[in-house]
C-alpha atoms as a PDB file:
ATOM      1  CA  MET A   1      -9.839  15.348 -18.922  1.00  0.00           C
ATOM      2  CA  TYR A   2      -7.705  12.358 -17.999  1.00  0.00           C
ATOM      3  CA  LYS A   3      -8.219   8.800 -19.182  1.00  0.00           C
ATOM      4  CA  ASN A   4      -6.296   7.022 -16.420  1.00  0.00           C
ATOM      5  CA  TYR A   5      -6.714   7.617 -12.680  1.00  0.00           C
ATOM      6  CA  ILE A   6      -3.992   6.060 -10.529  1.00  0.00           C
ATOM      7  CA  PHE A   7      -4.864   5.913  -6.842  1.00  0.00           C
ATOM      8  CA  ASP A   8      -2.915   5.436  -3.678  1.00  0.00           C
ATOM      9  CA  LEU A   9      -4.841   3.330  -1.141  1.00  0.00           C
ATOM     10  CA  TYR A  10      -4.214   3.907   2.555  1.00  0.00           C
ATOM     11  CA  GLY A  11      -4.890   7.502   3.544  1.00  0.00           C
ATOM     12  CA  THR A  12      -6.457   8.210   0.137  1.00  0.00           C
ATOM     13  CA  LEU A  13      -9.298   5.735  -0.335  1.00  0.00           C
ATOM     14  CA  VAL A  14      -9.035   3.810   2.922  1.00  0.00           C
ATOM     15  CA  ASP A  15      -8.853   5.157   6.468  1.00  0.00           C
ATOM     16  CA  ILE A  16      -6.952   2.715   8.686  1.00  0.00           C
ATOM     17  CA  ASN A  17      -5.405   2.664  12.131  1.00  0.00           C
ATOM     18  CA  THR A  18      -2.812  -0.025  12.927  1.00  0.00           C
ATOM     19  CA  ASN A  19      -0.167  -0.661  15.545  1.00  0.00           C
ATOM     20  CA  GLU A  20       2.493  -3.268  14.800  1.00  0.00           C
ATOM     21  CA  TRP A  21       4.510  -2.715  17.950  1.00  0.00           C
ATOM     22  CA  LYS A  22       1.975  -3.069  20.781  1.00  0.00           C
ATOM     23  CA  LEU A  23       2.893  -5.688  23.375  1.00  0.00           C
ATOM     24  CA  SER A  24      -0.389  -7.608  23.096  1.00  0.00           C
ATOM     25  CA  LEU A  25       0.271  -8.271  19.401  1.00  0.00           C
ATOM     26  CA  TRP A  26       3.644  -9.877  20.052  1.00  0.00           C
ATOM     27  CA  LYS A  27       2.265 -11.881  22.973  1.00  0.00           C
ATOM     28  CA  ASN A  28      -0.451 -13.320  20.721  1.00  0.00           C
ATOM     29  CA  MET A  29       1.896 -13.953  17.812  1.00  0.00           C
ATOM     30  CA  SER A  30       4.512 -15.602  20.020  1.00  0.00           C
ATOM     31  CA  MET A  31       1.798 -17.944  21.273  1.00  0.00           C
ATOM     32  CA  MET A  32       0.742 -18.716  17.692  1.00  0.00           C
ATOM     33  CA  TYR A  33       4.315 -19.511  16.634  1.00  0.00           C
ATOM     34  CA  SER A  34       4.981 -21.524  19.792  1.00  0.00           C
ATOM     35  CA  LEU A  35       1.833 -23.589  19.252  1.00  0.00           C
ATOM     36  CA  GLY A  36       3.152 -24.274  15.750  1.00  0.00           C
ATOM     37  CA  GLY A  37       6.437 -25.582  17.139  1.00  0.00           C
ATOM     38  CA  ALA A  38       8.491 -22.377  16.705  1.00  0.00           C
ATOM     39  CA  GLU A  39       8.945 -21.189  20.274  1.00  0.00           C
ATOM     40  CA  TYR A  40       9.540 -17.479  20.870  1.00  0.00           C
ATOM     41  CA  SER A  41       9.076 -15.076  23.707  1.00  0.00           C
ATOM     42  CA  PRO A  42       7.219 -11.897  22.673  1.00  0.00           C
ATOM     43  CA  ARG A  43      10.427  -9.843  22.910  1.00  0.00           C
ATOM     44  CA  LYS A  44      12.496 -12.322  20.887  1.00  0.00           C
ATOM     45  CA  LEU A  45       9.801 -12.652  18.216  1.00  0.00           C
ATOM     46  CA  LYS A  46       9.576  -8.883  17.813  1.00  0.00           C
ATOM     47  CA  LYS A  47      13.363  -8.656  17.396  1.00  0.00           C
ATOM     48  CA  ALA A  48      13.459 -11.620  15.002  1.00  0.00           C
ATOM     49  CA  TYR A  49      10.746 -10.025  12.877  1.00  0.00           C
ATOM     50  CA  ALA A  50      12.670  -6.735  12.664  1.00  0.00           C
ATOM     51  CA  ASP A  51      15.929  -8.548  11.853  1.00  0.00           C
ATOM     52  CA  CYS A  52      14.287 -10.651   9.124  1.00  0.00           C
ATOM     53  CA  LEU A  53      12.751  -7.531   7.576  1.00  0.00           C
ATOM     54  CA  LYS A  54      16.175  -5.867   7.357  1.00  0.00           C
ATOM     55  CA  GLU A  55      17.705  -8.987   5.813  1.00  0.00           C
ATOM     56  CA  GLU A  56      14.929  -9.368   3.246  1.00  0.00           C
ATOM     57  CA  ILE A  57      15.444  -5.755   2.125  1.00  0.00           C
ATOM     58  CA  LYS A  58      19.205  -6.229   1.963  1.00  0.00           C
ATOM     59  CA  ASN A  59      18.873  -9.423  -0.095  1.00  0.00           C
ATOM     60  CA  LEU A  60      16.599  -7.970  -2.786  1.00  0.00           C
ATOM     61  CA  PRO A  61      18.439  -8.080  -6.139  1.00  0.00           C
ATOM     62  CA  ASP A  62      19.823  -4.739  -7.267  1.00  0.00           C
ATOM     63  CA  ASP A  63      17.816  -4.769 -10.488  1.00  0.00           C
ATOM     64  CA  LYS A  64      14.515  -4.941  -8.554  1.00  0.00           C
ATOM     65  CA  TYR A  65      14.639  -1.355  -7.347  1.00  0.00           C
ATOM     66  CA  SER A  66      16.579   1.876  -7.471  1.00  0.00           C
ATOM     67  CA  THR A  67      15.879   3.818  -4.286  1.00  0.00           C
ATOM     68  CA  ASN A  68      13.044   2.305  -2.265  1.00  0.00           C
ATOM     69  CA  PRO A  69      13.102  -1.511  -1.904  1.00  0.00           C
ATOM     70  CA  GLU A  70      10.010  -3.437  -0.819  1.00  0.00           C
ATOM     71  CA  PRO A  71      10.291  -7.095   0.292  1.00  0.00           C
ATOM     72  CA  GLU A  72       7.443  -9.594   0.286  1.00  0.00           C
ATOM     73  CA  ILE A  73       6.466  -9.990   3.934  1.00  0.00           C
ATOM     74  CA  THR A  74       5.244 -13.572   3.457  1.00  0.00           C
ATOM     75  CA  ASN A  75       8.903 -14.569   3.344  1.00  0.00           C
ATOM     76  CA  ILE A  76       9.403 -13.109   6.810  1.00  0.00           C
ATOM     77  CA  PHE A  77       6.509 -15.001   8.393  1.00  0.00           C
ATOM     78  CA  ARG A  78       7.828 -18.201   6.802  1.00  0.00           C
ATOM     79  CA  ARG A  79      11.386 -17.592   8.040  1.00  0.00           C
ATOM     80  CA  LEU A  80      10.159 -17.125  11.587  1.00  0.00           C
ATOM     81  CA  TYR A  81       9.091 -20.779  11.405  1.00  0.00           C
ATOM     82  CA  THR A  82      11.982 -22.208   9.411  1.00  0.00           C
ATOM     83  CA  ASP A  83      14.631 -20.455  11.511  1.00  0.00           C
ATOM     84  CA  LYS A  84      13.327 -22.598  14.379  1.00  0.00           C
ATOM     85  CA  GLY A  85      13.519 -25.756  12.280  1.00  0.00           C
ATOM     86  CA  VAL A  86       9.782 -25.894  11.526  1.00  0.00           C
ATOM     87  CA  GLU A  87       8.644 -26.545   7.964  1.00  0.00           C
ATOM     88  CA  CYS A  88       6.255 -23.908   6.663  1.00  0.00           C
ATOM     89  CA  SER A  89       4.226 -23.863   3.453  1.00  0.00           C
ATOM     90  CA  ARG A  90       3.364 -20.632   1.691  1.00  0.00           C
ATOM     91  CA  GLU A  91      -0.258 -21.127   2.711  1.00  0.00           C
ATOM     92  CA  ILE A  92       0.651 -21.272   6.398  1.00  0.00           C
ATOM     93  CA  ALA A  93       2.948 -18.261   6.043  1.00  0.00           C
ATOM     94  CA  GLU A  94       0.170 -16.257   4.373  1.00  0.00           C
ATOM     95  CA  TYR A  95      -2.353 -17.307   7.011  1.00  0.00           C
ATOM     96  CA  THR A  96       0.070 -16.307   9.775  1.00  0.00           C
ATOM     97  CA  GLY A  97       0.590 -12.940   8.077  1.00  0.00           C
ATOM     98  CA  ARG A  98      -3.140 -12.292   7.869  1.00  0.00           C
ATOM     99  CA  VAL A  99      -3.609 -13.153  11.533  1.00  0.00           C
ATOM    100  CA  PHE A 100      -0.789 -10.706  12.310  1.00  0.00           C
ATOM    101  CA  ARG A 101      -2.468  -8.001  10.244  1.00  0.00           C
ATOM    102  CA  ALA A 102      -5.879  -8.569  11.824  1.00  0.00           C
ATOM    103  CA  LEU A 103      -4.341  -8.202  15.284  1.00  0.00           C
ATOM    104  CA  THR A 104      -2.730  -4.885  14.344  1.00  0.00           C
ATOM    105  CA  ILE A 105      -5.897  -3.195  13.028  1.00  0.00           C
ATOM    106  CA  LYS A 106      -7.865  -0.901  15.299  1.00  0.00           C
ATOM    107  CA  TYR A 107     -10.227   0.115  12.490  1.00  0.00           C
ATOM    108  CA  ILE A 108     -10.419   0.125   8.709  1.00  0.00           C
ATOM    109  CA  LYS A 109     -13.031   1.806   6.492  1.00  0.00           C
ATOM    110  CA  LEU A 110     -13.527   3.625   3.194  1.00  0.00           C
ATOM    111  CA  TYR A 111     -13.442   7.395   3.186  1.00  0.00           C
ATOM    112  CA  ASP A 112     -16.711   9.057   2.267  1.00  0.00           C
ATOM    113  CA  GLY A 113     -17.233   9.452  -1.461  1.00  0.00           C
ATOM    114  CA  VAL A 114     -15.028   6.656  -2.822  1.00  0.00           C
ATOM    115  CA  LYS A 115     -17.773   4.903  -4.766  1.00  0.00           C
ATOM    116  CA  GLU A 116     -19.178   8.178  -6.088  1.00  0.00           C
ATOM    117  CA  PHE A 117     -15.731   9.257  -7.291  1.00  0.00           C
ATOM    118  CA  PHE A 118     -15.188   5.933  -9.031  1.00  0.00           C
ATOM    119  CA  GLY A 119     -18.628   6.170 -10.600  1.00  0.00           C
ATOM    120  CA  GLU A 120     -17.862   9.599 -12.053  1.00  0.00           C
ATOM    121  CA  ILE A 121     -14.596   8.325 -13.505  1.00  0.00           C
ATOM    122  CA  ARG A 122     -16.391   5.417 -15.170  1.00  0.00           C
ATOM    123  CA  SER A 123     -19.177   7.618 -16.512  1.00  0.00           C
ATOM    124  CA  ASN A 124     -16.494   9.703 -18.244  1.00  0.00           C
ATOM    125  CA  GLY A 125     -14.821   6.652 -19.766  1.00  0.00           C
ATOM    126  CA  GLY A 126     -11.846   6.617 -17.416  1.00  0.00           C
ATOM    127  CA  LYS A 127      -9.825   3.686 -16.115  1.00  0.00           C
ATOM    128  CA  ILE A 128      -9.015   3.189 -12.436  1.00  0.00           C
ATOM    129  CA  PHE A 129      -5.724   1.782 -11.172  1.00  0.00           C
ATOM    130  CA  LEU A 130      -4.295   1.142  -7.733  1.00  0.00           C
ATOM    131  CA  LEU A 131      -0.610   1.827  -7.070  1.00  0.00           C
ATOM    132  CA  SER A 132       0.024   1.076  -3.421  1.00  0.00           C
ATOM    133  CA  ASN A 133       2.977   0.749  -1.087  1.00  0.00           C
ATOM    134  CA  ALA A 134       1.642  -2.340   0.620  1.00  0.00           C
ATOM    135  CA  GLN A 135       1.780  -6.096   1.104  1.00  0.00           C
ATOM    136  CA  ARG A 136      -0.581  -8.123  -1.057  1.00  0.00           C
ATOM    137  CA  ILE A 137      -1.391 -10.620   1.712  1.00  0.00           C
ATOM    138  CA  PHE A 138      -2.732  -7.682   3.735  1.00  0.00           C
ATOM    139  CA  THR A 139      -4.163  -5.435   1.045  1.00  0.00           C
ATOM    140  CA  GLU A 140      -6.030  -7.825  -1.233  1.00  0.00           C
ATOM    141  CA  PRO A 141      -8.275  -9.258   1.516  1.00  0.00           C
ATOM    142  CA  GLU A 142      -8.882  -5.763   2.886  1.00  0.00           C
ATOM    143  CA  ILE A 143     -10.041  -4.218  -0.379  1.00  0.00           C
ATOM    144  CA  ARG A 144     -12.192  -7.276  -1.083  1.00  0.00           C
ATOM    145  CA  MET A 145     -13.784  -6.852   2.349  1.00  0.00           C
ATOM    146  CA  LEU A 146     -14.349  -3.140   1.674  1.00  0.00           C
ATOM    147  CA  GLY A 147     -16.013  -3.915  -1.655  1.00  0.00           C
ATOM    148  CA  ILE A 148     -13.664  -2.081  -4.030  1.00  0.00           C
ATOM    149  CA  TYR A 149     -11.469  -4.888  -5.394  1.00  0.00           C
ATOM    150  CA  ASP A 150     -13.439  -5.240  -8.625  1.00  0.00           C
ATOM    151  CA  ASP A 151     -13.530  -1.459  -9.190  1.00  0.00           C
ATOM    152  CA  PHE A 152      -9.911  -1.391 -10.360  1.00  0.00           C
ATOM    153  CA  ASP A 153      -8.670  -2.120 -13.872  1.00  0.00           C
ATOM    154  CA  ASP A 154      -5.457  -3.316 -12.251  1.00  0.00           C
ATOM    155  CA  ILE A 155      -3.948  -3.470  -8.794  1.00  0.00           C
ATOM    156  CA  ILE A 156      -0.204  -2.876  -8.512  1.00  0.00           C
ATOM    157  CA  ILE A 157       1.255  -3.540  -5.064  1.00  0.00           C
ATOM    158  CA  SER A 158       4.831  -2.781  -4.107  1.00  0.00           C
ATOM    159  CA  SER A 159       5.506  -6.172  -2.495  1.00  0.00           C
ATOM    160  CA  ASP A 160       4.876  -7.841  -5.887  1.00  0.00           C
ATOM    161  CA  ILE A 161       7.337  -5.587  -7.707  1.00  0.00           C
ATOM    162  CA  GLY A 162      10.112  -5.230  -5.132  1.00  0.00           C
ATOM    163  CA  CYS A 163      10.080  -1.442  -5.063  1.00  0.00           C
ATOM    164  CA  ALA A 164       7.773   1.256  -3.765  1.00  0.00           C
ATOM    165  CA  LYS A 165       6.782   4.881  -4.224  1.00  0.00           C
ATOM    166  CA  PRO A 166       8.342   7.411  -4.637  1.00  0.00           C
ATOM    167  CA  ASP A 167      10.709   5.263  -6.711  1.00  0.00           C
ATOM    168  CA  ILE A 168      10.271   6.297 -10.349  1.00  0.00           C
ATOM    169  CA  MET A 169      10.658   2.633 -11.315  1.00  0.00           C
ATOM    170  CA  PHE A 170       7.352   1.850  -9.602  1.00  0.00           C
ATOM    171  CA  TYR A 171       5.542   4.503 -11.621  1.00  0.00           C
ATOM    172  CA  GLU A 172       7.256   3.408 -14.817  1.00  0.00           C
ATOM    173  CA  TYR A 173       6.121  -0.155 -14.167  1.00  0.00           C
ATOM    174  CA  ILE A 174       2.409   0.680 -14.327  1.00  0.00           C
ATOM    175  CA  LEU A 175       2.855   3.069 -17.253  1.00  0.00           C
ATOM    176  CA  LYS A 176       4.703   0.437 -19.266  1.00  0.00           C
ATOM    177  CA  LYS A 177       2.454  -2.469 -18.277  1.00  0.00           C
ATOM    178  CA  HIS A 178      -0.687  -0.730 -19.515  1.00  0.00           C
ATOM    179  CA  ASN A 179       0.892   1.496 -22.158  1.00  0.00           C
ATOM    180  CA  LEU A 180      -0.442   4.580 -20.380  1.00  0.00           C
ATOM    181  CA  LYS A 181       0.340   8.003 -21.798  1.00  0.00           C
ATOM    182  CA  LYS A 182       1.642  10.373 -19.154  1.00  0.00           C
ATOM    183  CA  ASN A 183      -0.411  13.326 -20.377  1.00  0.00           C
ATOM    184  CA  GLU A 184      -3.580  11.218 -20.079  1.00  0.00           C
ATOM    185  CA  SER A 185      -2.860   9.971 -16.550  1.00  0.00           C
ATOM    186  CA  ILE A 186      -3.066  11.434 -13.049  1.00  0.00           C
ATOM    187  CA  MET A 187      -1.869  10.198  -9.659  1.00  0.00           C
ATOM    188  CA  ILE A 188      -4.180  10.745  -6.687  1.00  0.00           C
ATOM    189  CA  GLY A 189      -2.736  10.397  -3.200  1.00  0.00           C
ATOM    190  CA  ASN A 190      -2.334  11.792   0.289  1.00  0.00           C
ATOM    191  CA  ASP A 191       1.451  11.802   0.710  1.00  0.00           C
ATOM    192  CA  TYR A 192       3.319  14.815  -0.653  1.00  0.00           C
ATOM    193  CA  ILE A 193       6.504  12.770  -1.148  1.00  0.00           C
ATOM    194  CA  THR A 194       5.556   9.225  -2.145  1.00  0.00           C
ATOM    195  CA  ASP A 195       2.458  10.095  -4.183  1.00  0.00           C
ATOM    196  CA  ILE A 196       3.049  13.661  -5.324  1.00  0.00           C
ATOM    197  CA  LYS A 197       6.795  14.169  -5.692  1.00  0.00           C
ATOM    198  CA  GLY A 198       7.187  10.607  -6.938  1.00  0.00           C
ATOM    199  CA  SER A 199       4.594  11.040  -9.672  1.00  0.00           C
ATOM    200  CA  HIS A 200       5.948  14.506 -10.512  1.00  0.00           C
ATOM    201  CA  ASP A 201       9.428  13.045 -10.994  1.00  0.00           C
ATOM    202  CA  ALA A 202       7.879  10.366 -13.212  1.00  0.00           C
ATOM    203  CA  GLY A 203       6.266  13.066 -15.386  1.00  0.00           C
ATOM    204  CA  LEU A 204       2.668  12.717 -14.190  1.00  0.00           C
ATOM    205  CA  ASP A 205       0.113  15.263 -13.039  1.00  0.00           C
ATOM    206  CA  SER A 206      -1.227  14.666  -9.542  1.00  0.00           C
ATOM    207  CA  LEU A 207      -4.036  15.496  -7.152  1.00  0.00           C
ATOM    208  CA  TYR A 208      -3.145  15.804  -3.480  1.00  0.00           C
ATOM    209  CA  LEU A 209      -5.643  14.932  -0.742  1.00  0.00           C
ATOM    210  CA  HIS A 210      -4.721  16.124   2.739  1.00  0.00           C
ATOM    211  CA  THR A 211      -6.323  13.520   5.007  1.00  0.00           C
ATOM    212  CA  ASN A 212      -5.981  12.456   8.629  1.00  0.00           C
ATOM    213  CA  LEU A 213      -3.196  10.075   7.544  1.00  0.00           C
ATOM    214  CA  SER A 214      -1.179  12.593   5.527  1.00  0.00           C
ATOM    215  CA  PRO A 215       2.334  13.314   6.808  1.00  0.00           C
ATOM    216  CA  GLU A 216       3.253  16.901   7.600  1.00  0.00           C
ATOM    217  CA  ILE A 217       4.204  18.844   4.477  1.00  0.00           C
ATOM    218  CA  LYS A 218       7.790  20.024   4.931  1.00  0.00           C
ATOM    219  CA  GLY A 219       8.637  20.943   1.356  1.00  0.00           C
ATOM    220  CA  GLU A 220       7.104  22.080  -1.895  1.00  0.00           C
ATOM    221  CA  LEU A 221       3.750  20.530  -2.744  1.00  0.00           C
ATOM    222  CA  LEU A 222       4.085  19.693  -6.439  1.00  0.00           C
ATOM    223  CA  ALA A 223       0.479  18.672  -7.107  1.00  0.00           C
ATOM    224  CA  LYS A 224      -1.540  20.232  -9.924  1.00  0.00           C
ATOM    225  CA  TYR A 225      -4.665  19.961  -7.741  1.00  0.00           C
ATOM    226  CA  LYS A 226      -4.626  20.437  -3.960  1.00  0.00           C
ATOM    227  CA  ILE A 227      -7.595  19.366  -1.838  1.00  0.00           C
ATOM    228  CA  MET A 228      -6.576  20.418   1.654  1.00  0.00           C
ATOM    229  CA  SER A 229      -9.918  19.321   3.150  1.00  0.00           C
ATOM    230  CA  GLY A 230      -9.234  15.729   2.104  1.00  0.00           C
ATOM    231  CA  SER A 231     -12.739  15.575   0.613  1.00  0.00           C
ATOM    232  CA  LEU A 232     -13.195  13.165  -2.279  1.00  0.00           C
ATOM    233  CA  ALA A 233     -16.326  15.104  -3.234  1.00  0.00           C
ATOM    234  CA  GLU A 234     -14.166  18.216  -3.690  1.00  0.00           C
ATOM    235  CA  ALA A 235     -11.606  16.187  -5.605  1.00  0.00           C
ATOM    236  CA  LYS A 236     -14.341  14.959  -7.934  1.00  0.00           C
ATOM    237  CA  LYS A 237     -15.531  18.518  -8.471  1.00  0.00           C
ATOM    238  CA  ALA A 238     -11.988  19.707  -9.175  1.00  0.00           C
ATOM    239  CA  LEU A 239     -11.523  17.093 -11.872  1.00  0.00           C
ATOM    240  CA  PHE A 240     -15.013  16.909 -13.361  1.00  0.00           C
ATOM    241  CA  GLY A 241     -16.666  20.176 -12.389  1.00  0.00           C
ATOM    242  CA  ILE A 242     -19.523  18.435 -10.545  1.00  0.00           C
END
């Protein structure tokens, strides 16, 4: 039995549907920026956002990542103001980012069985960690809203570290931070590359959940446990026998 359970978030614990490229989003965001003194048309704002994202990735220091860089998106929302000569505090940039995120979400909810799975882990003395390719300004409010923020022993988000799964450095970060032994730890996720191959390359066992958000499997599935139904109840049974 494992002592440390490292979870992916979106597509594993949380079912979410977003669209960052719909026209209505960029119309609303261009109005928000323009009302704040940074005038953009929807088309120009969309292009500026994409250009800033590329530049932020390019400008990450080499020692922050090895293969999969992850910028902090707050910097992008701030730049979209400052590039137009408008001063922008971090608080305003974060607020703008959260408005952006809210406008992209069609729905967000926990998958069935999350709390029961966590409860079984706790009853067996296990620790629960989150290792997510995500932006903290989006993810932290969402998991607070969904009522699982306090269930984790630690929350590691790629935008804080500057790299993302399947980068081995991201896995090594959580192992080193909490002095986790590899043979006592398991990664649980829905992506056969970022969650499963990444953890395999880092020397960890894994459990694969095939959910509605899982990408098509086009190579070897390296998970020790494979739950092709995506059921967390089946995953719990596979790990704990109940």
